[in-house]
Amino acid sequence: MSSKAVTATFIATEGEYLEAIIEVDGQRLHVMDEFDGSQLAAGTPFQAQLWPMASGSDDWDAIFSANPGAVKGLRRLDGWRYLALGQVISVAPVVCDCGLLLVEDAFYTQDARCVGAYVGVTLARLDACRA
């Protein structure tokens, strides 16, 4: 699992370890609140670490057919679940560059021919904590 430090703006929270909404680079993200958002006022900027947690349940065909537009980014599915779209930048372990963050170990392969492929993987959860 890989984290990335970002500047986020706090929007709202349901409570610690529950769903929170933050904004990063103009995109609203629904995340698990591991930063104690109850201590922040709406609109407060803070340094956050984003931790993507791949679901590991996507099948090979779904992963390699999910990103025909060759884009990098996050598409919210529901709650704090996302479809992470990006490009494979390494294998063993697999690392996908999804623009806003890197997703490690979303699937397993040692096949170097996968490097450069655009993929889509499901994130079971996106966590945010203070950087």
N, C-alpha and C. Protein backbone atom coordinates (compact mmCIF):
# COMPACT_ATOMS: atom_id res chain seq x y z
N MET A 1 0.84 -1.16 0.00
CA MET A 1 0.00 0.00 0.00
C MET A 1 0.89 1.23 0.00
N SER A 2 0.48 2.24 -0.75
CA SER A 2 1.28 3.45 -0.86
C SER A 2 0.44 4.65 -0.46
N SER A 3 1.04 5.59 0.24
CA SER A 3 0.31 6.79 0.62
C SER A 3 0.90 7.98 -0.13
N LYS A 4 0.12 9.05 -0.17
CA LYS A 4 0.60 10.27 -0.80
C LYS A 4 0.17 11.45 0.04
N ALA A 5 1.10 12.36 0.30
CA ALA A 5 0.78 13.58 1.05
C ALA A 5 0.19 14.61 0.09
N VAL A 6 -0.91 15.23 0.51
CA VAL A 6 -1.59 16.23 -0.30
C VAL A 6 -2.09 17.35 0.60
N THR A 7 -2.36 18.49 0.00
CA THR A 7 -3.06 19.56 0.71
C THR A 7 -4.54 19.36 0.46
N ALA A 8 -5.30 19.20 1.54
CA ALA A 8 -6.73 18.95 1.44
C ALA A 8 -7.49 20.07 2.14
N THR A 9 -8.74 20.23 1.74
CA THR A 9 -9.64 21.15 2.43
C THR A 9 -10.72 20.31 3.08
N PHE A 10 -10.92 20.50 4.37
CA PHE A 10 -11.94 19.75 5.10
C PHE A 10 -13.32 20.29 4.75
N ILE A 11 -14.26 19.38 4.47
CA ILE A 11 -15.63 19.76 4.16
C ILE A 11 -16.57 19.33 5.29
N ALA A 12 -16.59 18.03 5.62
CA ALA A 12 -17.51 17.51 6.64
C ALA A 12 -17.07 16.13 7.08
N THR A 13 -17.57 15.69 8.24
CA THR A 13 -17.30 14.33 8.72
C THR A 13 -18.50 13.80 9.49
N GLU A 14 -18.65 12.49 9.46
CA GLU A 14 -19.65 11.83 10.29
C GLU A 14 -19.04 11.42 11.63
N GLY A 15 -17.72 11.58 11.77
CA GLY A 15 -17.02 11.24 13.00
C GLY A 15 -15.75 10.47 12.70
N GLU A 16 -14.91 10.36 13.72
CA GLU A 16 -13.64 9.66 13.55
C GLU A 16 -13.87 8.21 13.14
N TYR A 17 -13.12 7.77 12.14
CA TYR A 17 -13.18 6.43 11.55
C TYR A 17 -14.48 6.19 10.77
N LEU A 18 -15.23 7.25 10.53
CA LEU A 18 -16.43 7.18 9.70
C LEU A 18 -16.17 7.98 8.43
N GLU A 19 -17.18 8.14 7.62
CA GLU A 19 -17.00 8.82 6.34
C GLU A 19 -16.84 10.33 6.52
N ALA A 20 -15.87 10.87 5.80
CA ALA A 20 -15.63 12.32 5.77
C ALA A 20 -15.52 12.75 4.32
N ILE A 21 -15.72 14.03 4.10
CA ILE A 21 -15.56 14.60 2.76
C ILE A 21 -14.45 15.64 2.83
N ILE A 22 -13.48 15.49 1.94
CA ILE A 22 -12.40 16.46 1.81
C ILE A 22 -12.30 16.83 0.33
N GLU A 23 -11.61 17.91 0.05
CA GLU A 23 -11.39 18.31 -1.34
C GLU A 23 -9.89 18.38 -1.59
N VAL A 24 -9.47 17.75 -2.68
CA VAL A 24 -8.06 17.73 -3.08
C VAL A 24 -7.99 18.07 -4.56
N ASP A 25 -7.24 19.10 -4.89
CA ASP A 25 -7.09 19.52 -6.30
C ASP A 25 -8.44 19.68 -6.99
N GLY A 26 -9.41 20.25 -6.29
CA GLY A 26 -10.72 20.51 -6.87
C GLY A 26 -11.66 19.32 -6.92
N GLN A 27 -11.23 18.16 -6.44
CA GLN A 27 -12.07 16.97 -6.45
C GLN A 27 -12.51 16.64 -5.02
N ARG A 28 -13.82 16.47 -4.84
CA ARG A 28 -14.33 16.05 -3.53
C ARG A 28 -14.13 14.55 -3.38
N LEU A 29 -13.56 14.18 -2.25
CA LEU A 29 -13.29 12.78 -1.96
C LEU A 29 -14.00 12.36 -0.68
N HIS A 30 -14.65 11.22 -0.73
CA HIS A 30 -15.26 10.62 0.45
C HIS A 30 -14.25 9.61 0.98
N VAL A 31 -13.81 9.83 2.20
CA VAL A 31 -12.70 9.05 2.77
C VAL A 31 -13.06 8.59 4.18
N MET A 32 -12.27 7.62 4.69
CA MET A 32 -12.38 7.27 6.10
C MET A 32 -11.63 8.33 6.89
N ASP A 33 -12.31 8.92 7.88
CA ASP A 33 -11.73 9.99 8.69
C ASP A 33 -10.79 9.40 9.73
N GLU A 34 -9.49 9.47 9.43
CA GLU A 34 -8.46 9.08 10.39
C GLU A 34 -7.64 10.31 10.80
N PHE A 35 -8.24 11.50 10.58
CA PHE A 35 -7.55 12.76 10.88
C PHE A 35 -8.30 13.58 11.93
N ASP A 36 -9.34 13.01 12.53
CA ASP A 36 -10.16 13.66 13.55
C ASP A 36 -10.75 14.96 13.02
N GLY A 37 -11.55 14.81 11.96
CA GLY A 37 -12.18 15.95 11.34
C GLY A 37 -13.10 16.74 12.25
N SER A 38 -13.55 16.13 13.34
CA SER A 38 -14.43 16.84 14.27
C SER A 38 -13.72 18.05 14.89
N GLN A 39 -12.40 18.08 14.81
CA GLN A 39 -11.63 19.20 15.35
C GLN A 39 -11.41 20.32 14.33
N LEU A 40 -11.91 20.13 13.11
CA LEU A 40 -11.70 21.10 12.03
C LEU A 40 -13.00 21.80 11.66
N ALA A 41 -12.90 23.05 11.29
CA ALA A 41 -14.05 23.78 10.76
C ALA A 41 -14.11 23.57 9.25
N ALA A 42 -15.32 23.54 8.71
CA ALA A 42 -15.48 23.40 7.26
C ALA A 42 -14.67 24.49 6.56
N GLY A 43 -13.94 24.10 5.51
CA GLY A 43 -13.13 25.03 4.75
C GLY A 43 -11.68 25.12 5.22
N THR A 44 -11.35 24.40 6.30
CA THR A 44 -9.98 24.44 6.83
C THR A 44 -9.04 23.60 5.98
N PRO A 45 -7.93 24.19 5.49
CA PRO A 45 -6.93 23.39 4.78
C PRO A 45 -6.07 22.62 5.78
N PHE A 46 -5.62 21.43 5.39
CA PHE A 46 -4.71 20.65 6.22
C PHE A 46 -3.91 19.71 5.33
N GLN A 47 -2.79 19.23 5.85
CA GLN A 47 -1.96 18.27 5.13
C GLN A 47 -2.48 16.87 5.45
N ALA A 48 -2.78 16.12 4.41
CA ALA A 48 -3.34 14.78 4.58
C ALA A 48 -2.49 13.75 3.86
N GLN A 49 -2.53 12.55 4.36
CA GLN A 49 -1.97 11.37 3.69
C GLN A 49 -3.16 10.57 3.18
N LEU A 50 -3.17 10.26 1.90
CA LEU A 50 -4.21 9.41 1.32
C LEU A 50 -3.68 7.99 1.23
N TRP A 51 -4.46 7.05 1.73
CA TRP A 51 -4.09 5.63 1.73
C TRP A 51 -5.14 4.84 0.95
N PRO A 52 -4.84 4.45 -0.29
CA PRO A 52 -5.79 3.63 -1.04
C PRO A 52 -5.70 2.16 -0.62
N MET A 53 -6.84 1.54 -0.47
CA MET A 53 -6.88 0.12 -0.12
C MET A 53 -7.59 -0.63 -1.25
N ALA A 54 -6.81 -1.29 -2.09
CA ALA A 54 -7.37 -2.03 -3.22
C ALA A 54 -8.23 -3.18 -2.70
N SER A 55 -9.32 -3.45 -3.41
CA SER A 55 -10.23 -4.50 -2.97
C SER A 55 -9.66 -5.88 -3.20
N GLY A 56 -8.85 -6.02 -4.26
CA GLY A 56 -8.28 -7.33 -4.58
C GLY A 56 -9.27 -8.30 -5.17
N SER A 57 -10.48 -7.84 -5.45
CA SER A 57 -11.50 -8.75 -5.97
C SER A 57 -11.78 -8.58 -7.46
N ASP A 58 -11.08 -7.66 -8.11
CA ASP A 58 -11.29 -7.46 -9.55
C ASP A 58 -10.66 -8.60 -10.34
N ASP A 59 -11.35 -9.03 -11.39
CA ASP A 59 -10.74 -10.07 -12.23
C ASP A 59 -9.90 -9.41 -13.33
N TRP A 60 -9.00 -10.20 -13.87
CA TRP A 60 -8.02 -9.72 -14.84
C TRP A 60 -8.67 -8.98 -16.00
N ASP A 61 -9.71 -9.56 -16.60
CA ASP A 61 -10.36 -8.92 -17.75
C ASP A 61 -10.97 -7.58 -17.36
N ALA A 62 -11.58 -7.52 -16.19
CA ALA A 62 -12.19 -6.26 -15.73
C ALA A 62 -11.12 -5.19 -15.53
N ILE A 63 -10.00 -5.56 -14.96
CA ILE A 63 -8.91 -4.61 -14.71
C ILE A 63 -8.41 -4.01 -16.01
N PHE A 64 -8.19 -4.85 -17.01
CA PHE A 64 -7.58 -4.38 -18.25
C PHE A 64 -8.57 -3.82 -19.26
N SER A 65 -9.86 -3.92 -18.99
CA SER A 65 -10.86 -3.32 -19.89
C SER A 65 -11.54 -2.11 -19.26
N ALA A 66 -11.21 -1.77 -18.03
CA ALA A 66 -11.90 -0.71 -17.30
C ALA A 66 -11.47 0.71 -17.68
N ASN A 67 -10.39 0.85 -18.45
CA ASN A 67 -9.86 2.18 -18.72
C ASN A 67 -9.54 2.38 -20.20
N PRO A 68 -10.55 2.24 -21.08
CA PRO A 68 -10.27 2.40 -22.51
C PRO A 68 -9.88 3.82 -22.90
N GLY A 69 -10.22 4.80 -22.06
CA GLY A 69 -9.88 6.19 -22.35
C GLY A 69 -8.49 6.58 -21.92
N ALA A 70 -7.74 5.64 -21.33
CA ALA A 70 -6.36 5.89 -20.88
C ALA A 70 -6.26 7.15 -20.02
N VAL A 71 -7.10 7.19 -18.97
CA VAL A 71 -7.10 8.34 -18.08
C VAL A 71 -6.51 7.96 -16.72
N LYS A 72 -6.16 8.99 -15.96
CA LYS A 72 -5.68 8.80 -14.59
C LYS A 72 -6.60 9.59 -13.67
N GLY A 73 -7.13 8.93 -12.65
CA GLY A 73 -8.00 9.62 -11.71
C GLY A 73 -8.83 8.65 -10.89
N LEU A 74 -9.69 9.22 -10.07
CA LEU A 74 -10.57 8.44 -9.22
C LEU A 74 -12.02 8.72 -9.58
N ARG A 75 -12.81 7.67 -9.70
CA ARG A 75 -14.25 7.79 -9.92
C ARG A 75 -14.96 7.14 -8.74
N ARG A 76 -15.75 7.92 -8.04
CA ARG A 76 -16.44 7.40 -6.86
C ARG A 76 -17.52 6.41 -7.27
N LEU A 77 -17.52 5.27 -6.60
CA LEU A 77 -18.55 4.25 -6.83
C LEU A 77 -19.69 4.44 -5.84
N ASP A 78 -19.37 4.40 -4.56
CA ASP A 78 -20.31 4.66 -3.47
C ASP A 78 -19.52 4.75 -2.18
N GLY A 79 -20.09 5.43 -1.20
CA GLY A 79 -19.38 5.58 0.07
C GLY A 79 -17.95 6.03 -0.17
N TRP A 80 -17.00 5.30 0.37
CA TRP A 80 -15.59 5.63 0.17
C TRP A 80 -14.92 4.66 -0.80
N ARG A 81 -15.74 3.97 -1.60
CA ARG A 81 -15.23 3.07 -2.64
C ARG A 81 -15.04 3.84 -3.94
N TYR A 82 -13.95 3.51 -4.65
CA TYR A 82 -13.61 4.20 -5.89
C TYR A 82 -13.16 3.22 -6.95
N LEU A 83 -13.29 3.63 -8.20
CA LEU A 83 -12.61 2.98 -9.31
C LEU A 83 -11.39 3.85 -9.57
N ALA A 84 -10.21 3.30 -9.31
CA ALA A 84 -8.95 4.01 -9.55
C ALA A 84 -8.50 3.70 -10.97
N LEU A 85 -8.40 4.73 -11.78
CA LEU A 85 -7.99 4.59 -13.18
C LEU A 85 -6.56 5.09 -13.31
N GLY A 86 -5.73 4.30 -13.96
CA GLY A 86 -4.35 4.72 -14.09
C GLY A 86 -3.54 3.83 -14.99
N GLN A 87 -2.24 4.02 -14.92
CA GLN A 87 -1.29 3.32 -15.78
C GLN A 87 -0.33 2.51 -14.91
N VAL A 88 -0.10 1.28 -15.32
CA VAL A 88 0.85 0.42 -14.61
C VAL A 88 2.25 0.96 -14.86
N ILE A 89 2.98 1.26 -13.75
CA ILE A 89 4.34 1.80 -13.90
C ILE A 89 5.40 0.80 -13.46
N SER A 90 4.99 -0.27 -12.78
CA SER A 90 5.94 -1.33 -12.43
C SER A 90 5.17 -2.59 -12.06
N VAL A 91 5.90 -3.71 -12.09
CA VAL A 91 5.33 -4.99 -11.67
C VAL A 91 6.22 -5.60 -10.59
N ALA A 92 5.66 -6.54 -9.86
CA ALA A 92 6.36 -7.27 -8.79
C ALA A 92 7.00 -6.35 -7.76
N PRO A 93 6.28 -5.50 -7.05
CA PRO A 93 4.83 -5.42 -7.00
C PRO A 93 4.27 -4.50 -8.08
N VAL A 94 3.01 -4.72 -8.41
CA VAL A 94 2.33 -3.85 -9.37
C VAL A 94 2.08 -2.50 -8.70
N VAL A 95 2.45 -1.43 -9.41
CA VAL A 95 2.16 -0.07 -8.96
C VAL A 95 1.46 0.64 -10.12
N CYS A 96 0.31 1.25 -9.82
CA CYS A 96 -0.46 1.98 -10.82
C CYS A 96 -0.45 3.47 -10.47
N ASP A 97 -0.07 4.29 -11.44
CA ASP A 97 -0.10 5.74 -11.28
C ASP A 97 -1.50 6.20 -11.63
N CYS A 98 -2.25 6.63 -10.64
CA CYS A 98 -3.63 7.07 -10.85
C CYS A 98 -3.76 8.59 -10.74
N GLY A 99 -2.67 9.28 -10.98
CA GLY A 99 -2.68 10.74 -10.96
C GLY A 99 -2.59 11.29 -9.55
N LEU A 100 -3.69 11.31 -8.85
CA LEU A 100 -3.73 11.84 -7.49
C LEU A 100 -2.96 10.97 -6.51
N LEU A 101 -2.85 9.68 -6.81
CA LEU A 101 -2.15 8.76 -5.91
C LEU A 101 -1.63 7.55 -6.66
N LEU A 102 -0.74 6.82 -6.00
CA LEU A 102 -0.23 5.55 -6.52
C LEU A 102 -0.94 4.42 -5.79
N VAL A 103 -1.34 3.41 -6.54
CA VAL A 103 -1.98 2.24 -5.93
C VAL A 103 -1.03 1.06 -6.11
N GLU A 104 -0.62 0.47 -4.98
CA GLU A 104 0.27 -0.69 -5.00
C GLU A 104 -0.52 -1.97 -4.75
N ASP A 105 -0.06 -3.05 -5.36
CA ASP A 105 -0.61 -4.38 -5.11
C ASP A 105 -2.10 -4.50 -5.39
N ALA A 106 -2.58 -3.78 -6.40
CA ALA A 106 -3.99 -3.89 -6.77
C ALA A 106 -4.29 -5.24 -7.40
N PHE A 107 -3.28 -5.81 -8.03
CA PHE A 107 -3.34 -7.16 -8.58
C PHE A 107 -1.91 -7.67 -8.65
N TYR A 108 -1.76 -8.94 -8.95
CA TYR A 108 -0.43 -9.53 -8.95
C TYR A 108 -0.02 -9.98 -10.34
N THR A 109 1.16 -9.58 -10.76
CA THR A 109 1.78 -10.11 -11.97
C THR A 109 3.28 -9.79 -11.92
N GLN A 110 4.04 -10.61 -12.60
CA GLN A 110 5.46 -10.34 -12.81
C GLN A 110 5.73 -10.07 -14.29
N ASP A 111 4.67 -10.03 -15.09
CA ASP A 111 4.77 -9.87 -16.53
C ASP A 111 5.07 -8.40 -16.87
N ALA A 112 6.30 -8.13 -17.28
CA ALA A 112 6.73 -6.77 -17.59
C ALA A 112 5.97 -6.17 -18.77
N ARG A 113 5.30 -7.00 -19.57
CA ARG A 113 4.51 -6.47 -20.69
C ARG A 113 3.32 -5.64 -20.20
N CYS A 114 2.98 -5.76 -18.93
CA CYS A 114 1.87 -4.98 -18.37
C CYS A 114 2.25 -3.53 -18.10
N VAL A 115 3.55 -3.25 -17.99
CA VAL A 115 4.00 -1.88 -17.75
C VAL A 115 3.55 -1.02 -18.93
N GLY A 116 2.91 0.10 -18.60
CA GLY A 116 2.39 1.01 -19.62
C GLY A 116 0.91 0.82 -19.89
N ALA A 117 0.35 -0.32 -19.48
CA ALA A 117 -1.07 -0.58 -19.71
C ALA A 117 -1.93 0.34 -18.83
N TYR A 118 -3.04 0.79 -19.38
CA TYR A 118 -4.01 1.57 -18.62
C TYR A 118 -5.03 0.61 -18.05
N VAL A 119 -5.29 0.76 -16.75
CA VAL A 119 -6.13 -0.19 -16.03
C VAL A 119 -7.12 0.55 -15.13
N GLY A 120 -8.04 -0.22 -14.59
CA GLY A 120 -8.96 0.29 -13.58
C GLY A 120 -9.08 -0.74 -12.48
N VAL A 121 -8.89 -0.32 -11.24
CA VAL A 121 -8.98 -1.23 -10.10
C VAL A 121 -9.91 -0.62 -9.04
N THR A 122 -10.63 -1.48 -8.36
CA THR A 122 -11.54 -1.03 -7.33
C THR A 122 -10.80 -0.81 -6.02
N LEU A 123 -11.03 0.35 -5.42
CA LEU A 123 -10.52 0.62 -4.08
C LEU A 123 -11.66 0.33 -3.11
N ALA A 124 -11.42 -0.58 -2.18
CA ALA A 124 -12.43 -0.90 -1.17
C ALA A 124 -12.66 0.30 -0.25
N ARG A 125 -11.60 1.09 -0.08
CA ARG A 125 -11.70 2.24 0.81
C ARG A 125 -10.55 3.18 0.51
N LEU A 126 -10.82 4.45 0.70
CA LEU A 126 -9.77 5.47 0.62
C LEU A 126 -9.69 6.12 2.00
N ASP A 127 -8.56 5.96 2.66
CA ASP A 127 -8.35 6.51 4.00
C ASP A 127 -7.61 7.83 3.90
N ALA A 128 -7.86 8.71 4.85
CA ALA A 128 -7.11 9.97 4.95
C ALA A 128 -6.73 10.19 6.41
N CYS A 129 -5.45 10.51 6.63
CA CYS A 129 -4.98 10.85 7.97
C CYS A 129 -4.12 12.11 7.84
N ARG A 130 -3.76 12.69 8.97
CA ARG A 130 -2.91 13.88 8.92
C ARG A 130 -1.50 13.50 8.51
N ALA A 131 -0.91 14.34 7.66
CA ALA A 131 0.46 14.09 7.19
C ALA A 131 1.45 14.52 8.24
